[in-house]
Amino acid sequence: MIVSLLMTINLLFGFLSEFFLSCSILYALVYNSFLVKSSYFNYPLIEEDAYNQTLFVLFLTSILLVYNYDYIISSASLFIVDCCSTNCKIVVLISSIFSIGISRPYLIYNKINSFEYYSIKLLAVFSMCFLLSSLDCISMYLSMEMLALCLYVLSSFKRFSCFSVEAGLKYFVLGSITSGIILFGCVLIYGVFGSTNMNEIFIINSCGEFSFSLSNIPFYIGISFVIIGFLFKLGAAPFHVWLPDVYEGSPFSSTVFFALVPKIVYIMLLARLCFYSFNSFFVYFQPLFFFCGILSIIIGSLGALNQTRVKRLLVYSSITHVGFILLSFSCGTIFSLCCCFFYICLYIINNALVWGLLMLVYNKETETLHLTSFARVLSLSSFVGLGLVVGLFSLAGIPPFSGFFMKIFAFVSAYSSGLLETGLTILFLSVIGAFYYIRFIKIVCFEN
């Protein structure tokens, strides 16, 4: 009895931030539901209160994560709390705060006064925290589905807009197919190893009892399906076809959340699968990451050249950056993995700057933002214009901005792994991809 109680207390301290976040979500839902339906308070609109509640809850959750930074625990082999997952959770919480903070003007312009919008974002953050701690295919899949359901709702939340409804429907259909592919891959992995636990699979692979043969082909099919599913979630080519339409049709505030937050979660899960559970077989999947990285940069760069809408331009820009991340990921070393996370953190900062400044120029009378809407922005507002120039130069990788160091670290990781051709490819494609950023900067600074 005492041992069971101590284990329960231990688990509570290990997942203290998640426990606090779940209780806060339930409390916010009950409190806000009661308040907006109360005749005593004259059915108030509480969008501002829900906004402040959400930021306060996310801030306190991040404080609890920092307090529990050195706490390492495994919960019945389903979840794990370690330094790596905690670092990623902190990045997720900070990027969520950024996305919610910079997207509030859009909600005010479009009169989206539903407090449920913020509750759904909190649920998405909650599912991402558990997804980062997942150490089993079952817990990973359930957390991923909970996150996917939240993202489907966020993409179609502007229900009176046919664009938003269409984006939500496309996201739901294609996302459901991808979830089925990932689930089928997990089933095949279970059929080969007899376990869905990543730690147990790592032990089996470490013993050297598993080798490539015709009888083990279901394993390679299964892990390939799981990797393809994650590449779809990341928006890497050739699994990117859903991304431009969904991001374009989604509400601006939801698009900002999609662009800033989930990428680090899927990269972390890919790293846990490829660098831990299936480390000895990473060499077989290395060409897949390399091919998808190269293809993502080519398609992202070429697709952005003819774009006239800002959202679609930044979508193809995100596809390009995912390509650089995958090229660094394909090197297969711990240093390259560190470079990937460094790249993602700087990408989140640059993206937050660009999307936040775009929100200042947003016109509530138009459904979409075109590049021509930013003509003479520098002359009208030097702060917004210079900020956009700095953000776009950084995303293009122009020195001395932070984006330059993102590309340099990707090149160094490839060179240190002995993949000189990959490093040269990164440099060559960076030059090509800078053209559409410079075209946008020309419109901001010089066109009338």
Protein backbone atom coordinates (compact mmCIF):
# COMPACT_ATOMS: atom_id res chain seq x y z
CA MET A 1 0.00 0.00 0.00
CA ILE A 2 2.77 2.41 0.95
CA VAL A 3 4.79 1.47 -2.12
CA SER A 4 1.78 2.09 -4.35
CA LEU A 5 1.18 5.48 -2.72
CA LEU A 6 4.82 6.48 -3.16
CA MET A 7 4.71 5.45 -6.82
CA THR A 8 1.56 7.55 -7.32
CA ILE A 9 3.21 10.58 -5.69
CA ASN A 10 6.31 10.02 -7.78
CA LEU A 11 4.26 9.94 -10.99
CA LEU A 12 2.39 13.09 -9.93
CA PHE A 13 5.63 15.00 -9.46
CA GLY A 14 7.02 13.66 -12.74
CA PHE A 15 3.99 14.83 -14.72
CA LEU A 16 3.16 17.82 -12.54
CA SER A 17 3.01 20.27 -15.45
CA GLU A 18 0.68 18.01 -17.48
CA PHE A 19 -1.54 17.45 -14.42
CA PHE A 20 -1.76 21.20 -13.81
CA LEU A 21 -2.50 21.86 -17.49
CA SER A 22 -5.30 19.27 -17.61
CA CYS A 23 -6.93 20.63 -14.43
CA SER A 24 -6.65 24.19 -15.77
CA ILE A 25 -8.34 23.20 -19.04
CA LEU A 26 -11.24 21.55 -17.20
CA TYR A 27 -11.62 24.50 -14.86
CA ALA A 28 -11.52 27.04 -17.72
CA LEU A 29 -14.15 25.10 -19.69
CA VAL A 30 -16.54 24.82 -16.73
CA TYR A 31 -16.03 28.39 -15.53
CA ASN A 32 -16.33 30.00 -18.97
CA SER A 33 -19.34 27.86 -19.93
CA PHE A 34 -21.13 28.92 -16.78
CA LEU A 35 -20.25 32.58 -17.25
CA VAL A 36 -21.37 33.01 -20.87
CA LYS A 37 -24.73 31.33 -20.15
CA SER A 38 -25.42 33.26 -16.98
CA SER A 39 -28.35 35.66 -17.09
CA TYR A 40 -27.07 37.24 -13.86
CA PHE A 41 -23.98 38.52 -15.71
CA ASN A 42 -26.02 39.35 -18.83
CA TYR A 43 -24.36 36.69 -21.03
CA PRO A 44 -20.99 38.42 -21.33
CA LEU A 45 -18.42 38.01 -24.11
CA ILE A 46 -15.27 36.74 -22.40
CA GLU A 47 -12.79 36.51 -25.26
CA GLU A 48 -10.36 38.78 -23.45
CA ASP A 49 -10.71 36.82 -20.20
CA ALA A 50 -10.12 33.52 -22.02
CA TYR A 51 -7.08 35.02 -23.73
CA ASN A 52 -5.57 36.11 -20.41
CA GLN A 53 -6.42 32.76 -18.81
CA THR A 54 -4.68 30.88 -21.60
CA LEU A 55 -1.47 32.91 -21.43
CA PHE A 56 -1.43 32.64 -17.63
CA VAL A 57 -1.90 28.86 -17.70
CA LEU A 58 0.82 28.38 -20.33
CA PHE A 59 3.20 30.60 -18.36
CA LEU A 60 2.64 28.67 -15.12
CA THR A 61 3.01 25.35 -16.96
CA SER A 62 6.38 26.44 -18.33
CA ILE A 63 7.46 27.46 -14.80
CA LEU A 64 6.52 23.99 -13.53
CA LEU A 65 8.49 22.40 -16.36
CA VAL A 66 11.59 24.39 -15.47
CA TYR A 67 11.12 23.44 -11.81
CA ASN A 68 10.94 19.76 -12.78
CA TYR A 69 13.79 20.00 -15.30
CA ASP A 70 16.05 17.36 -13.73
CA TYR A 71 13.23 14.98 -12.90
CA ILE A 72 13.52 11.68 -14.79
CA ILE A 73 10.76 9.11 -14.56
CA SER A 74 9.12 6.40 -16.64
CA SER A 75 5.40 5.74 -16.24
CA ALA A 76 4.64 2.05 -16.80
CA SER A 77 6.85 2.18 -19.91
CA LEU A 78 4.22 4.27 -21.70
CA PHE A 79 5.66 7.73 -21.02
CA ILE A 80 9.02 9.10 -20.02
CA VAL A 81 10.08 12.44 -18.58
CA ASP A 82 13.68 13.29 -19.39
CA CYS A 83 15.74 16.36 -20.20
CA CYS A 84 15.20 16.02 -23.96
CA SER A 85 11.40 15.86 -23.77
CA THR A 86 11.34 18.63 -21.15
CA ASN A 87 13.39 20.95 -23.36
CA CYS A 88 11.03 20.35 -26.28
CA LYS A 89 8.00 20.96 -24.05
CA ILE A 90 9.43 24.30 -23.00
CA VAL A 91 9.91 25.25 -26.66
CA VAL A 92 6.33 24.16 -27.41
CA LEU A 93 4.93 26.26 -24.56
CA ILE A 94 6.96 29.36 -25.47
CA SER A 95 6.06 29.11 -29.16
CA SER A 96 2.39 28.61 -28.19
CA ILE A 97 2.51 31.79 -26.12
CA PHE A 98 4.02 33.63 -29.09
CA SER A 99 1.40 32.30 -31.51
CA ILE A 100 -1.53 33.15 -29.24
CA GLY A 101 -0.15 36.58 -28.44
CA ILE A 102 0.47 37.70 -32.02
CA SER A 103 -2.78 36.26 -33.40
CA ARG A 104 -5.24 37.97 -31.07
CA PRO A 105 -5.79 41.03 -33.36
CA TYR A 106 -7.12 38.65 -36.01
CA LEU A 107 -9.69 37.23 -33.58
CA ILE A 108 -10.80 40.76 -32.67
CA TYR A 109 -11.08 41.85 -36.33
CA ASN A 110 -13.17 38.80 -37.25
CA LYS A 111 -15.25 38.85 -34.04
CA ILE A 112 -14.31 35.31 -33.02
CA ASN A 113 -15.44 35.64 -29.40
CA SER A 114 -15.64 31.94 -28.55
CA PHE A 115 -13.63 30.97 -25.49
CA GLU A 116 -13.56 27.41 -26.82
CA TYR A 117 -10.96 28.50 -29.36
CA TYR A 118 -8.39 29.04 -26.61
CA SER A 119 -9.43 25.84 -24.82
CA ILE A 120 -8.80 23.84 -27.99
CA LYS A 121 -5.33 25.35 -28.25
CA LEU A 122 -4.65 24.38 -24.65
CA LEU A 123 -5.81 20.84 -25.45
CA ALA A 124 -3.45 20.79 -28.43
CA VAL A 125 -0.54 21.85 -26.20
CA PHE A 126 -1.57 19.23 -23.63
CA SER A 127 -1.54 16.48 -26.26
CA MET A 128 1.83 17.67 -27.59
CA CYS A 129 3.33 17.43 -24.10
CA PHE A 130 2.23 13.81 -23.78
CA LEU A 131 3.30 13.12 -27.36
CA LEU A 132 6.81 14.32 -26.53
CA SER A 133 6.91 11.98 -23.52
CA SER A 134 5.55 8.95 -25.38
CA LEU A 135 7.70 5.82 -25.09
CA ASP A 136 5.20 3.41 -26.61
CA CYS A 137 3.50 3.21 -29.99
CA ILE A 138 0.08 3.07 -28.29
CA SER A 139 0.57 6.22 -26.20
CA MET A 140 2.20 7.91 -29.21
CA TYR A 141 -0.74 7.14 -31.49
CA LEU A 142 -3.40 8.19 -28.97
CA SER A 143 -1.63 11.47 -28.21
CA MET A 144 -1.15 12.10 -31.92
CA GLU A 145 -4.84 11.55 -32.62
CA MET A 146 -5.82 13.91 -29.83
CA LEU A 147 -3.52 16.55 -31.31
CA ALA A 148 -4.86 15.92 -34.82
CA LEU A 149 -8.48 16.38 -33.69
CA CYS A 150 -7.58 19.72 -32.11
CA LEU A 151 -5.83 20.87 -35.29
CA TYR A 152 -8.80 19.82 -37.45
CA VAL A 153 -11.12 21.98 -35.36
CA LEU A 154 -8.73 24.94 -35.36
CA SER A 155 -8.41 24.85 -39.15
CA SER A 156 -12.21 24.95 -39.63
CA PHE A 157 -13.10 27.17 -36.67
CA LYS A 158 -14.21 30.08 -38.87
CA ARG A 159 -17.33 28.13 -39.76
CA PHE A 160 -18.98 30.93 -41.79
CA SER A 161 -16.06 30.96 -44.24
CA CYS A 162 -16.18 28.38 -47.02
CA PHE A 163 -12.37 28.54 -47.23
CA SER A 164 -12.00 27.55 -43.58
CA VAL A 165 -14.55 24.74 -43.83
CA GLU A 166 -12.85 23.39 -46.96
CA ALA A 167 -9.44 23.53 -45.25
CA GLY A 168 -10.77 21.66 -42.24
CA LEU A 169 -12.36 18.99 -44.43
CA LYS A 170 -9.18 18.47 -46.49
CA TYR A 171 -7.08 18.31 -43.34
CA PHE A 172 -9.47 15.82 -41.73
CA VAL A 173 -9.64 13.47 -44.73
CA LEU A 174 -5.91 13.43 -45.49
CA GLY A 175 -4.99 13.40 -41.81
CA SER A 176 -7.25 10.42 -41.19
CA ILE A 177 -5.61 8.51 -44.03
CA THR A 178 -2.19 9.31 -42.58
CA SER A 179 -3.29 8.19 -39.12
CA GLY A 180 -4.40 4.88 -40.62
CA ILE A 181 -1.00 4.49 -42.31
CA ILE A 182 0.83 5.14 -39.02
CA LEU A 183 -1.44 2.72 -37.16
CA PHE A 184 -0.88 0.00 -39.77
CA GLY A 185 2.87 0.56 -39.48
CA CYS A 186 2.70 0.21 -35.69
CA VAL A 187 0.73 -3.04 -36.09
CA LEU A 188 3.41 -4.47 -38.38
CA ILE A 189 6.14 -3.47 -35.91
CA TYR A 190 4.22 -5.18 -33.11
CA GLY A 191 3.81 -8.28 -35.26
CA VAL A 192 7.59 -8.53 -35.73
CA PHE A 193 8.83 -7.62 -32.23
CA GLY A 194 5.87 -8.69 -30.11
CA SER A 195 5.98 -5.33 -28.33
CA THR A 196 5.01 -1.73 -28.96
CA ASN A 197 7.36 -0.30 -26.33
CA MET A 198 10.25 1.68 -27.82
CA ASN A 199 12.59 0.77 -24.98
CA GLU A 200 11.96 -2.96 -25.40
CA ILE A 201 12.44 -2.68 -29.17
CA PHE A 202 15.76 -0.92 -28.53
CA ILE A 203 16.88 -3.78 -26.25
CA ILE A 204 15.94 -6.39 -28.87
CA ASN A 205 17.87 -4.52 -31.56
CA SER A 206 20.87 -4.03 -29.27
CA CYS A 207 21.16 -7.80 -28.70
CA GLY A 208 21.89 -8.29 -32.40
CA GLU A 209 19.19 -10.95 -32.76
CA PHE A 210 17.36 -9.00 -35.45
CA SER A 211 18.85 -8.76 -38.92
CA PHE A 212 17.68 -7.99 -42.42
CA SER A 213 16.10 -10.98 -44.17
CA LEU A 214 13.07 -11.77 -46.29
CA SER A 215 11.14 -12.81 -43.18
CA ASN A 216 11.67 -9.34 -41.66
CA ILE A 217 10.31 -7.38 -44.62
CA PRO A 218 7.07 -6.57 -42.68
CA PHE A 219 9.23 -4.69 -40.18
CA TYR A 220 10.73 -2.47 -42.89
CA ILE A 221 7.30 -1.88 -44.38
CA GLY A 222 5.95 -0.99 -40.94
CA ILE A 223 8.69 1.47 -39.98
CA SER A 224 8.53 2.97 -43.49
CA PHE A 225 4.79 3.62 -43.01
CA VAL A 226 5.42 5.27 -39.65
CA ILE A 227 8.19 7.48 -41.07
CA ILE A 228 6.03 8.44 -44.07
CA GLY A 229 3.22 9.38 -41.69
CA PHE A 230 5.53 11.68 -39.74
CA LEU A 231 6.85 13.22 -42.96
CA PHE A 232 3.25 13.96 -43.92
CA LYS A 233 2.67 15.65 -40.55
CA LEU A 234 5.84 17.71 -41.07
CA GLY A 235 4.75 18.75 -44.56
CA ALA A 236 7.82 17.36 -46.32
CA ALA A 237 7.72 16.70 -50.06
CA PRO A 238 6.30 14.65 -51.73
CA PHE A 239 3.75 14.47 -48.87
CA HIS A 240 3.14 18.23 -48.83
CA VAL A 241 0.17 18.56 -51.19
CA TRP A 242 -2.30 19.26 -48.35
CA LEU A 243 -0.22 22.02 -46.79
CA PRO A 244 -0.83 25.08 -49.06
CA ASP A 245 -4.62 24.65 -49.22
CA VAL A 246 -5.03 23.95 -45.49
CA TYR A 247 -2.81 26.83 -44.38
CA GLU A 248 -4.39 29.22 -46.88
CA GLY A 249 -7.97 28.38 -45.91
CA SER A 250 -7.46 28.18 -42.14
CA PRO A 251 -8.02 31.25 -39.97
CA PHE A 252 -4.91 33.39 -39.76
CA SER A 253 -4.52 32.71 -36.04
CA SER A 254 -4.68 28.95 -36.60
CA THR A 255 -2.15 29.14 -39.43
CA VAL A 256 0.28 30.92 -37.10
CA PHE A 257 -0.16 28.13 -34.55
CA PHE A 258 0.42 25.44 -37.22
CA ALA A 259 3.53 27.21 -38.49
CA LEU A 260 5.21 27.74 -35.12
CA VAL A 261 4.38 24.90 -32.76
CA PRO A 262 4.03 21.27 -34.00
CA LYS A 263 7.22 20.79 -36.06
CA ILE A 264 9.54 20.24 -33.14
CA VAL A 265 7.17 17.58 -31.77
CA TYR A 266 7.30 15.42 -34.89
CA ILE A 267 11.08 15.84 -35.26
CA MET A 268 11.50 14.74 -31.65
CA LEU A 269 9.40 11.62 -32.27
CA LEU A 270 11.32 10.81 -35.45
CA ALA A 271 14.55 11.18 -33.50
CA ARG A 272 13.30 8.84 -30.76
CA LEU A 273 12.37 6.23 -33.33
CA CYS A 274 15.38 6.50 -35.65
CA PHE A 275 18.17 7.36 -33.21
CA TYR A 276 17.00 5.19 -30.30
CA SER A 277 14.63 2.33 -31.03
CA PHE A 278 15.81 1.56 -34.59
CA ASN A 279 19.29 3.07 -34.44
CA SER A 280 20.96 0.01 -35.96
CA PHE A 281 18.68 0.21 -39.01
CA PHE A 282 18.91 3.95 -39.60
CA VAL A 283 21.28 3.37 -42.53
CA TYR A 284 18.45 1.74 -44.48
CA PHE A 285 16.20 4.81 -44.07
CA GLN A 286 18.88 7.45 -44.46
CA PRO A 287 18.33 7.75 -48.25
CA LEU A 288 14.61 8.37 -47.64
CA PHE A 289 15.32 11.40 -45.43
CA PHE A 290 17.95 12.66 -47.84
CA PHE A 291 15.60 12.30 -50.84
CA CYS A 292 12.68 13.99 -49.05
CA GLY A 293 14.99 16.79 -47.89
CA ILE A 294 16.29 17.53 -51.38
CA LEU A 295 12.81 17.27 -52.92
CA SER A 296 11.30 19.52 -50.23
CA ILE A 297 13.84 22.27 -50.90
CA ILE A 298 13.37 22.05 -54.68
CA ILE A 299 9.56 21.99 -54.55
CA GLY A 300 9.42 24.66 -51.84
CA SER A 301 11.75 26.99 -53.74
CA LEU A 302 10.12 26.52 -57.13
CA GLY A 303 6.59 26.60 -55.72
CA ALA A 304 7.20 29.90 -53.95
CA LEU A 305 8.43 31.69 -57.07
CA ASN A 306 4.97 32.22 -58.62
CA GLN A 307 2.99 32.82 -55.42
CA THR A 308 1.06 36.06 -55.05
CA ARG A 309 -0.47 35.32 -51.63
CA VAL A 310 1.56 35.74 -48.45
CA LYS A 311 0.26 32.62 -46.71
CA ARG A 312 1.08 30.34 -49.60
CA LEU A 313 4.50 31.93 -49.97
CA LEU A 314 5.31 31.23 -46.32
CA VAL A 315 3.88 27.72 -46.64
CA TYR A 316 6.31 26.88 -49.42
CA SER A 317 9.01 28.57 -47.35
CA SER A 318 8.21 26.19 -44.47
CA ILE A 319 8.46 23.23 -46.88
CA THR A 320 11.92 24.46 -47.86
CA HIS A 321 13.03 24.74 -44.25
CA VAL A 322 11.70 21.28 -43.47
CA GLY A 323 13.93 20.09 -46.31
CA PHE A 324 17.00 21.64 -44.65
CA ILE A 325 16.04 20.03 -41.34
CA LEU A 326 15.70 16.62 -43.00
CA LEU A 327 19.05 16.99 -44.76
CA SER A 328 20.69 17.61 -41.41
CA PHE A 329 18.65 14.79 -39.86
CA SER A 330 19.80 12.36 -42.56
CA CYS A 331 23.42 12.69 -41.41
CA GLY A 332 22.58 10.29 -38.57
CA THR A 333 24.79 11.70 -35.80
CA ILE A 334 24.04 13.24 -32.42
CA PHE A 335 25.65 16.49 -33.54
CA SER A 336 23.38 16.64 -36.59
CA LEU A 337 20.37 16.02 -34.35
CA CYS A 338 21.43 18.91 -32.11
CA CYS A 339 21.76 21.06 -35.23
CA CYS A 340 18.20 20.09 -36.20
CA PHE A 341 16.79 21.33 -32.89
CA PHE A 342 18.93 24.46 -33.06
CA TYR A 343 17.58 25.08 -36.56
CA ILE A 344 13.97 24.61 -35.42
CA CYS A 345 14.34 26.98 -32.44
CA LEU A 346 15.77 29.78 -34.60
CA TYR A 347 13.14 29.08 -37.26
CA ILE A 348 10.38 29.51 -34.66
CA ILE A 349 11.85 32.87 -33.57
CA ASN A 350 12.14 34.16 -37.15
CA ASN A 351 8.68 32.91 -38.05
CA ALA A 352 7.17 34.53 -34.96
CA LEU A 353 8.69 37.85 -36.03
CA VAL A 354 7.41 37.61 -39.61
CA TRP A 355 3.90 36.38 -38.73
CA GLY A 356 3.54 38.96 -35.96
CA LEU A 357 4.39 41.80 -38.34
CA LEU A 358 2.05 40.38 -40.98
CA MET A 359 -0.73 40.53 -38.40
CA LEU A 360 -0.13 44.28 -38.02
CA VAL A 361 -0.77 44.76 -41.74
CA TYR A 362 -3.77 42.43 -41.81
CA ASN A 363 -6.89 43.99 -43.32
CA LYS A 364 -10.14 42.65 -41.94
CA GLU A 365 -11.96 43.50 -45.17
CA THR A 366 -10.02 40.93 -47.22
CA GLU A 367 -10.06 37.17 -46.90
CA THR A 368 -6.40 36.76 -47.86
CA LEU A 369 -3.22 38.82 -47.85
CA HIS A 370 -1.51 39.38 -51.20
CA LEU A 371 2.08 40.42 -51.70
CA THR A 372 0.89 43.67 -53.27
CA SER A 373 -0.76 44.56 -49.95
CA PHE A 374 2.74 45.23 -48.59
CA ALA A 375 3.73 47.81 -51.21
CA ARG A 376 5.17 50.93 -49.55
CA VAL A 377 4.99 49.37 -46.09
CA LEU A 378 8.49 50.67 -45.33
CA SER A 379 7.48 54.24 -46.14
CA LEU A 380 4.21 53.99 -44.21
CA SER A 381 5.65 52.29 -41.13
CA SER A 382 9.40 52.05 -40.77
CA PHE A 383 9.08 49.69 -37.77
CA VAL A 384 6.96 47.12 -39.64
CA GLY A 385 8.95 47.49 -42.86
CA LEU A 386 12.37 47.08 -41.24
CA GLY A 387 11.10 44.19 -39.11
CA LEU A 388 9.83 42.38 -42.20
CA VAL A 389 13.11 42.98 -44.02
CA VAL A 390 15.09 41.58 -41.09
CA GLY A 391 12.78 38.56 -40.75
CA LEU A 392 12.80 37.75 -44.46
CA PHE A 393 16.57 38.20 -44.75
CA SER A 394 16.95 35.84 -41.80
CA LEU A 395 14.66 33.20 -43.33
CA ALA A 396 16.67 33.51 -46.56
CA GLY A 397 19.90 32.82 -44.66
CA ILE A 398 21.60 36.16 -45.37
CA PRO A 399 24.45 37.01 -42.97
CA PRO A 400 24.68 38.30 -40.27
CA PHE A 401 21.12 37.36 -39.34
CA SER A 402 20.22 34.25 -37.36
CA GLY A 403 18.97 32.36 -40.43
CA PHE A 404 22.53 32.36 -41.75
CA PHE A 405 23.67 30.40 -38.70
CA MET A 406 20.78 27.97 -39.18
CA LYS A 407 22.10 27.10 -42.64
CA ILE A 408 25.71 27.05 -41.43
CA PHE A 409 24.93 24.54 -38.70
CA ALA A 410 23.14 22.34 -41.23
CA PHE A 411 26.20 22.51 -43.49
CA VAL A 412 28.61 21.81 -40.63
CA SER A 413 26.58 18.81 -39.47
CA ALA A 414 26.73 17.34 -42.98
CA TYR A 415 30.44 18.05 -43.33
CA SER A 416 31.31 16.59 -39.92
CA SER A 417 29.45 13.41 -40.87
CA GLY A 418 31.57 13.00 -43.98
CA LEU A 419 28.70 13.91 -46.31
CA LEU A 420 30.40 16.71 -48.20
CA GLU A 421 28.01 16.39 -51.15
CA THR A 422 25.09 16.98 -48.78
CA GLY A 423 26.74 20.12 -47.43
CA LEU A 424 27.40 21.47 -50.90
CA THR A 425 23.80 20.70 -51.84
CA ILE A 426 22.62 22.72 -48.83
CA LEU A 427 24.73 25.73 -49.88
CA PHE A 428 23.62 25.56 -53.52
CA LEU A 429 19.91 25.24 -52.73
CA SER A 430 20.10 28.03 -50.14
CA VAL A 431 21.17 30.44 -52.86
CA ILE A 432 18.27 29.38 -55.12
CA GLY A 433 15.72 29.62 -52.31
CA ALA A 434 16.73 33.18 -51.40
CA PHE A 435 15.21 34.62 -54.59
CA TYR A 436 11.55 34.70 -53.53
CA TYR A 437 12.42 36.31 -50.18
CA ILE A 438 14.29 39.06 -52.01
CA ARG A 439 11.28 39.53 -54.32
CA PHE A 440 9.06 40.04 -51.26
CA ILE A 441 11.59 42.50 -49.79
CA LYS A 442 11.58 44.44 -53.09
CA ILE A 443 7.80 44.81 -52.86
CA VAL A 444 8.02 45.95 -49.22
CA CYS A 445 10.74 48.54 -49.82
CA PHE A 446 10.47 49.83 -53.38
CA GLU A 447 7.09 49.18 -55.03
CA ASN A 448 4.19 51.61 -54.81
